[in-house]
N, C-alpha and C. Protein backbone atom coordinates (compact mmCIF):
# COMPACT_ATOMS: atom_id res chain seq x y z
N UNK A 1 -42.06 -132.26 7.00
CA UNK A 1 -42.20 -131.04 6.24
C UNK A 1 -43.44 -130.30 6.73
N UNK A 2 -43.29 -129.03 6.92
CA UNK A 2 -44.40 -128.20 7.38
C UNK A 2 -45.41 -127.99 6.25
N UNK A 3 -46.66 -127.79 6.64
CA UNK A 3 -47.71 -127.50 5.67
C UNK A 3 -48.46 -126.25 6.09
N UNK A 4 -48.81 -125.43 5.10
CA UNK A 4 -49.65 -124.26 5.34
C UNK A 4 -50.79 -124.29 4.34
N UNK A 5 -51.85 -123.56 4.64
CA UNK A 5 -52.99 -123.48 3.74
C UNK A 5 -53.06 -122.10 3.12
N UNK A 6 -53.07 -122.08 1.81
CA UNK A 6 -53.15 -120.83 1.07
C UNK A 6 -54.43 -120.09 1.45
N UNK A 7 -54.32 -118.80 1.69
CA UNK A 7 -55.48 -117.98 2.04
C UNK A 7 -55.75 -117.87 3.52
N UNK A 8 -54.96 -118.58 4.35
CA UNK A 8 -55.11 -118.48 5.80
C UNK A 8 -54.22 -117.39 6.37
N UNK A 9 -54.62 -116.84 7.51
CA UNK A 9 -53.71 -116.01 8.30
C UNK A 9 -52.72 -116.96 8.93
N UNK A 10 -51.45 -116.74 8.70
CA UNK A 10 -50.41 -117.64 9.20
C UNK A 10 -49.66 -116.96 10.34
N UNK A 11 -49.41 -117.70 11.40
CA UNK A 11 -48.61 -117.19 12.51
C UNK A 11 -47.93 -118.38 13.16
N UNK A 12 -46.62 -118.39 13.12
CA UNK A 12 -45.88 -119.49 13.74
C UNK A 12 -44.49 -119.01 14.14
N UNK A 13 -43.92 -119.71 15.10
CA UNK A 13 -42.60 -119.35 15.59
C UNK A 13 -41.55 -120.34 15.13
N UNK A 14 -40.32 -119.87 15.05
CA UNK A 14 -39.21 -120.72 14.67
C UNK A 14 -37.93 -120.22 15.35
N UNK A 15 -37.13 -121.15 15.82
CA UNK A 15 -35.84 -120.80 16.39
C UNK A 15 -34.78 -120.97 15.32
N UNK A 16 -34.09 -119.89 15.00
CA UNK A 16 -33.01 -119.94 14.03
C UNK A 16 -31.73 -120.35 14.75
N UNK A 17 -30.88 -121.08 14.04
CA UNK A 17 -29.61 -121.53 14.62
C UNK A 17 -28.46 -121.17 13.70
N UNK A 18 -27.37 -120.77 14.34
CA UNK A 18 -26.13 -120.48 13.62
C UNK A 18 -25.05 -121.33 14.27
N UNK A 19 -24.38 -122.17 13.49
CA UNK A 19 -23.38 -123.11 14.03
C UNK A 19 -23.98 -123.97 15.13
N UNK A 20 -25.20 -124.45 14.90
CA UNK A 20 -25.92 -125.34 15.82
C UNK A 20 -26.28 -124.71 17.16
N UNK A 21 -26.30 -123.40 17.25
CA UNK A 21 -26.63 -122.74 18.51
C UNK A 21 -27.54 -121.54 18.25
N UNK A 22 -28.33 -121.18 19.27
CA UNK A 22 -29.11 -119.96 19.17
C UNK A 22 -28.15 -118.77 19.25
N UNK A 23 -28.62 -117.61 18.88
CA UNK A 23 -27.79 -116.41 18.87
C UNK A 23 -28.68 -115.21 19.10
N UNK A 24 -28.08 -114.06 19.32
CA UNK A 24 -28.83 -112.82 19.52
C UNK A 24 -29.03 -112.11 18.19
N UNK A 25 -30.28 -111.76 17.90
CA UNK A 25 -30.59 -110.92 16.74
C UNK A 25 -30.75 -109.51 17.29
N UNK A 26 -29.93 -108.59 16.84
CA UNK A 26 -29.97 -107.22 17.33
C UNK A 26 -31.30 -106.57 16.96
N UNK A 27 -31.74 -105.63 17.81
CA UNK A 27 -33.04 -104.97 17.55
C UNK A 27 -32.99 -104.05 16.33
N UNK A 28 -31.82 -103.80 15.77
CA UNK A 28 -31.72 -103.00 14.54
C UNK A 28 -31.70 -103.87 13.29
N UNK A 29 -31.70 -105.20 13.47
CA UNK A 29 -31.64 -106.11 12.33
C UNK A 29 -32.90 -106.01 11.48
N UNK A 30 -32.72 -106.30 10.19
CA UNK A 30 -33.85 -106.39 9.27
C UNK A 30 -34.08 -107.88 9.01
N UNK A 31 -35.29 -108.35 9.36
CA UNK A 31 -35.63 -109.76 9.19
C UNK A 31 -36.83 -109.84 8.26
N UNK A 32 -36.75 -110.72 7.28
CA UNK A 32 -37.85 -110.88 6.33
C UNK A 32 -37.97 -112.31 5.86
N UNK A 33 -39.15 -112.63 5.32
CA UNK A 33 -39.37 -113.97 4.77
C UNK A 33 -39.98 -113.85 3.39
N UNK A 34 -39.85 -114.93 2.64
CA UNK A 34 -40.53 -115.06 1.36
C UNK A 34 -40.69 -116.54 1.09
N UNK A 35 -41.48 -116.87 0.11
CA UNK A 35 -41.68 -118.26 -0.29
C UNK A 35 -41.07 -118.42 -1.67
N UNK A 36 -40.31 -119.49 -1.86
CA UNK A 36 -39.62 -119.72 -3.12
C UNK A 36 -40.22 -120.94 -3.79
N UNK A 37 -40.59 -120.80 -5.06
CA UNK A 37 -41.10 -121.91 -5.86
C UNK A 37 -39.92 -122.83 -6.17
N UNK A 38 -39.98 -124.07 -5.71
CA UNK A 38 -38.83 -124.97 -5.90
C UNK A 38 -38.67 -125.43 -7.35
N UNK A 39 -39.72 -125.27 -8.17
CA UNK A 39 -39.60 -125.70 -9.57
C UNK A 39 -38.80 -124.72 -10.42
N UNK A 40 -38.83 -123.42 -10.04
CA UNK A 40 -38.10 -122.44 -10.86
C UNK A 40 -37.18 -121.52 -10.06
N UNK A 41 -37.18 -121.65 -8.74
CA UNK A 41 -36.28 -120.86 -7.90
C UNK A 41 -36.69 -119.40 -7.73
N UNK A 42 -37.89 -119.04 -8.18
CA UNK A 42 -38.33 -117.64 -8.09
C UNK A 42 -39.16 -117.41 -6.83
N UNK A 43 -39.02 -116.21 -6.27
CA UNK A 43 -39.84 -115.84 -5.12
C UNK A 43 -41.29 -115.71 -5.55
N UNK A 44 -42.19 -116.16 -4.68
CA UNK A 44 -43.62 -116.11 -4.99
C UNK A 44 -44.25 -114.77 -4.65
N UNK A 45 -43.70 -114.06 -3.68
CA UNK A 45 -44.27 -112.78 -3.28
C UNK A 45 -43.46 -111.65 -3.90
N UNK A 46 -44.14 -110.60 -4.31
CA UNK A 46 -43.45 -109.48 -4.95
C UNK A 46 -42.58 -108.71 -3.96
N UNK A 47 -42.90 -108.81 -2.68
CA UNK A 47 -42.11 -108.14 -1.64
C UNK A 47 -41.97 -109.08 -0.45
N UNK A 48 -40.81 -109.04 0.20
CA UNK A 48 -40.62 -109.85 1.40
C UNK A 48 -41.58 -109.40 2.50
N UNK A 49 -41.97 -110.33 3.35
CA UNK A 49 -42.81 -110.02 4.51
C UNK A 49 -41.87 -109.71 5.67
N UNK A 50 -42.03 -108.53 6.26
CA UNK A 50 -41.18 -108.13 7.38
C UNK A 50 -41.53 -108.92 8.64
N UNK A 51 -40.50 -109.30 9.38
CA UNK A 51 -40.67 -109.96 10.67
C UNK A 51 -40.20 -108.96 11.72
N UNK A 52 -41.04 -108.71 12.72
CA UNK A 52 -40.70 -107.73 13.75
C UNK A 52 -40.56 -108.41 15.12
N UNK A 53 -40.04 -107.66 16.06
CA UNK A 53 -39.89 -108.14 17.44
C UNK A 53 -41.22 -108.08 18.20
N UNK A 54 -42.23 -107.45 17.62
CA UNK A 54 -43.47 -107.12 18.32
C UNK A 54 -44.35 -108.29 18.77
N UNK A 55 -44.50 -109.36 17.97
CA UNK A 55 -45.47 -110.39 18.39
C UNK A 55 -45.14 -111.00 19.75
N UNK A 56 -46.18 -111.26 20.55
CA UNK A 56 -46.01 -111.89 21.84
C UNK A 56 -45.34 -113.24 21.65
N UNK A 57 -44.34 -113.52 22.46
CA UNK A 57 -43.61 -114.78 22.37
C UNK A 57 -42.31 -114.69 21.62
N UNK A 58 -42.14 -113.64 20.84
CA UNK A 58 -40.91 -113.44 20.08
C UNK A 58 -39.76 -113.21 21.05
N UNK A 59 -38.60 -113.83 20.79
CA UNK A 59 -37.43 -113.68 21.67
C UNK A 59 -36.17 -113.58 20.81
N UNK A 60 -35.91 -112.40 20.29
CA UNK A 60 -34.76 -112.22 19.40
C UNK A 60 -33.44 -112.43 20.14
N UNK A 61 -33.43 -112.32 21.45
CA UNK A 61 -32.22 -112.57 22.23
C UNK A 61 -31.80 -114.03 22.17
N UNK A 62 -32.76 -114.91 21.82
CA UNK A 62 -32.48 -116.33 21.66
C UNK A 62 -32.84 -116.81 20.26
N UNK A 63 -32.78 -115.91 19.30
CA UNK A 63 -33.04 -116.16 17.87
C UNK A 63 -34.38 -116.86 17.60
N UNK A 64 -35.40 -116.53 18.43
CA UNK A 64 -36.75 -117.07 18.22
C UNK A 64 -37.61 -115.97 17.60
N UNK A 65 -38.09 -116.23 16.39
CA UNK A 65 -38.90 -115.23 15.69
C UNK A 65 -40.32 -115.75 15.49
N UNK A 66 -41.25 -114.83 15.44
CA UNK A 66 -42.64 -115.14 15.11
C UNK A 66 -42.90 -114.60 13.71
N UNK A 67 -43.35 -115.49 12.84
CA UNK A 67 -43.64 -115.12 11.46
C UNK A 67 -45.15 -114.96 11.32
N UNK A 68 -45.59 -113.79 10.91
CA UNK A 68 -47.00 -113.50 10.66
C UNK A 68 -47.18 -113.16 9.19
N UNK A 69 -48.07 -113.91 8.53
CA UNK A 69 -48.38 -113.66 7.12
C UNK A 69 -49.89 -113.50 7.01
N UNK A 70 -50.37 -112.31 6.60
CA UNK A 70 -51.81 -112.11 6.48
C UNK A 70 -52.43 -112.97 5.38
N UNK A 71 -53.71 -113.28 5.53
CA UNK A 71 -54.42 -114.12 4.57
C UNK A 71 -54.34 -113.57 3.15
N UNK A 72 -54.43 -112.25 3.00
CA UNK A 72 -54.37 -111.65 1.66
C UNK A 72 -53.04 -111.95 0.97
N UNK A 73 -51.98 -112.08 1.75
CA UNK A 73 -50.66 -112.40 1.19
C UNK A 73 -50.55 -113.90 0.92
N UNK A 74 -50.96 -114.73 1.87
CA UNK A 74 -50.84 -116.18 1.67
C UNK A 74 -51.74 -116.67 0.54
N UNK A 75 -52.81 -115.92 0.23
CA UNK A 75 -53.71 -116.30 -0.86
C UNK A 75 -53.02 -116.26 -2.22
N UNK A 76 -51.90 -115.55 -2.31
CA UNK A 76 -51.19 -115.43 -3.59
C UNK A 76 -50.16 -116.54 -3.80
N UNK A 77 -49.97 -117.40 -2.80
CA UNK A 77 -48.98 -118.47 -2.91
C UNK A 77 -49.43 -119.55 -3.89
N UNK A 78 -48.47 -120.18 -4.53
CA UNK A 78 -48.74 -121.24 -5.49
C UNK A 78 -48.76 -122.57 -4.74
N UNK A 79 -49.86 -123.35 -4.86
CA UNK A 79 -49.92 -124.63 -4.16
C UNK A 79 -48.80 -125.58 -4.63
N UNK A 80 -48.34 -126.40 -3.69
CA UNK A 80 -47.30 -127.38 -4.00
C UNK A 80 -46.10 -127.21 -3.10
N UNK A 81 -45.00 -127.83 -3.50
CA UNK A 81 -43.78 -127.76 -2.71
C UNK A 81 -43.11 -126.41 -2.89
N UNK A 82 -42.65 -125.86 -1.80
CA UNK A 82 -41.92 -124.59 -1.87
C UNK A 82 -40.90 -124.57 -0.74
N UNK A 83 -40.21 -123.46 -0.65
CA UNK A 83 -39.22 -123.27 0.39
C UNK A 83 -39.51 -121.95 1.08
N UNK A 84 -39.57 -121.99 2.40
CA UNK A 84 -39.71 -120.76 3.16
C UNK A 84 -38.31 -120.20 3.34
N UNK A 85 -38.08 -119.02 2.81
CA UNK A 85 -36.78 -118.37 2.92
C UNK A 85 -36.85 -117.33 4.04
N UNK A 86 -35.95 -117.46 5.01
CA UNK A 86 -35.88 -116.52 6.13
C UNK A 86 -34.52 -115.84 6.06
N UNK A 87 -34.53 -114.52 6.10
CA UNK A 87 -33.26 -113.80 6.00
C UNK A 87 -33.13 -112.80 7.15
N UNK A 88 -31.96 -112.84 7.79
CA UNK A 88 -31.63 -111.90 8.86
C UNK A 88 -30.45 -111.07 8.38
N UNK A 89 -30.63 -109.77 8.34
CA UNK A 89 -29.54 -108.86 7.99
C UNK A 89 -29.22 -108.07 9.25
N UNK A 90 -28.18 -108.52 9.95
CA UNK A 90 -27.82 -107.98 11.26
C UNK A 90 -26.33 -107.68 11.27
N UNK A 91 -25.99 -106.45 11.01
CA UNK A 91 -24.58 -106.09 10.95
C UNK A 91 -23.94 -105.97 12.33
N UNK A 92 -24.76 -105.98 13.40
CA UNK A 92 -24.23 -105.87 14.75
C UNK A 92 -23.77 -107.23 15.28
N UNK A 93 -24.65 -108.25 15.19
CA UNK A 93 -24.35 -109.53 15.84
C UNK A 93 -24.02 -110.69 14.91
N UNK A 94 -24.43 -110.65 13.66
CA UNK A 94 -24.21 -111.81 12.79
C UNK A 94 -23.26 -111.51 11.64
N UNK A 95 -22.60 -110.38 11.71
CA UNK A 95 -21.65 -110.01 10.66
C UNK A 95 -22.29 -109.96 9.28
N UNK A 96 -23.49 -109.50 9.20
CA UNK A 96 -24.13 -109.32 7.90
C UNK A 96 -25.38 -110.15 7.72
N UNK A 97 -25.54 -110.68 6.52
CA UNK A 97 -26.77 -111.35 6.12
C UNK A 97 -26.64 -112.87 6.26
N UNK A 98 -27.65 -113.48 6.89
CA UNK A 98 -27.75 -114.93 7.00
C UNK A 98 -29.10 -115.35 6.43
N UNK A 99 -29.12 -116.49 5.73
CA UNK A 99 -30.35 -116.96 5.11
C UNK A 99 -30.57 -118.44 5.43
N UNK A 100 -31.81 -118.79 5.77
CA UNK A 100 -32.21 -120.16 6.01
C UNK A 100 -33.32 -120.51 5.03
N UNK A 101 -33.40 -121.79 4.66
CA UNK A 101 -34.48 -122.30 3.81
C UNK A 101 -35.11 -123.50 4.50
N UNK A 102 -36.44 -123.51 4.54
CA UNK A 102 -37.18 -124.58 5.17
C UNK A 102 -38.19 -125.12 4.17
N UNK A 103 -38.17 -126.43 3.88
CA UNK A 103 -39.17 -126.97 2.94
C UNK A 103 -40.57 -126.85 3.53
N UNK A 104 -41.50 -126.53 2.66
CA UNK A 104 -42.89 -126.33 3.10
C UNK A 104 -43.83 -126.69 1.97
N UNK A 105 -44.99 -127.24 2.31
CA UNK A 105 -46.01 -127.54 1.32
C UNK A 105 -47.13 -126.52 1.46
N UNK A 106 -47.53 -125.91 0.36
CA UNK A 106 -48.65 -124.98 0.33
C UNK A 106 -49.87 -125.75 -0.17
N UNK A 107 -50.90 -125.81 0.66
CA UNK A 107 -52.13 -126.50 0.32
C UNK A 107 -53.20 -125.49 -0.10
N UNK A 108 -54.11 -125.95 -0.98
CA UNK A 108 -55.26 -125.13 -1.34
C UNK A 108 -56.27 -125.19 -0.21
N UNK A 109 -57.02 -124.11 -0.03
CA UNK A 109 -58.13 -124.11 0.92
C UNK A 109 -59.29 -124.85 0.25
N UNK A 110 -59.71 -125.95 0.85
CA UNK A 110 -60.76 -126.76 0.22
C UNK A 110 -62.11 -126.66 0.92
N UNK A 111 -62.17 -125.91 2.02
CA UNK A 111 -63.43 -125.75 2.74
C UNK A 111 -64.24 -124.63 2.10
N UNK A 112 -65.48 -124.90 1.80
CA UNK A 112 -66.32 -123.88 1.13
C UNK A 112 -66.83 -122.88 2.13
């Protein structure tokens, strides 16, 4: 299970798979993430964080996305077990909306 620290600038990549294979995410697709509290099923952020093609290393042609979450946003996360929700809304290549969930632990920042 992945771990993140609340209040940190987060940047990490992930390859999404559909039917056990990579796929093309069209450049017109809307991609976003949020964190879901597993105890009540509610999203932790008031608005989804947009994922763009811009970060270096991103390869939407092979369904590899870079997720960037600023410290000010991650500071609002609730410590404990959660689920990272990733959603791709691509009417060109994926026939609509696809959603993935990845278990994740949110840790408190303990360094003074």
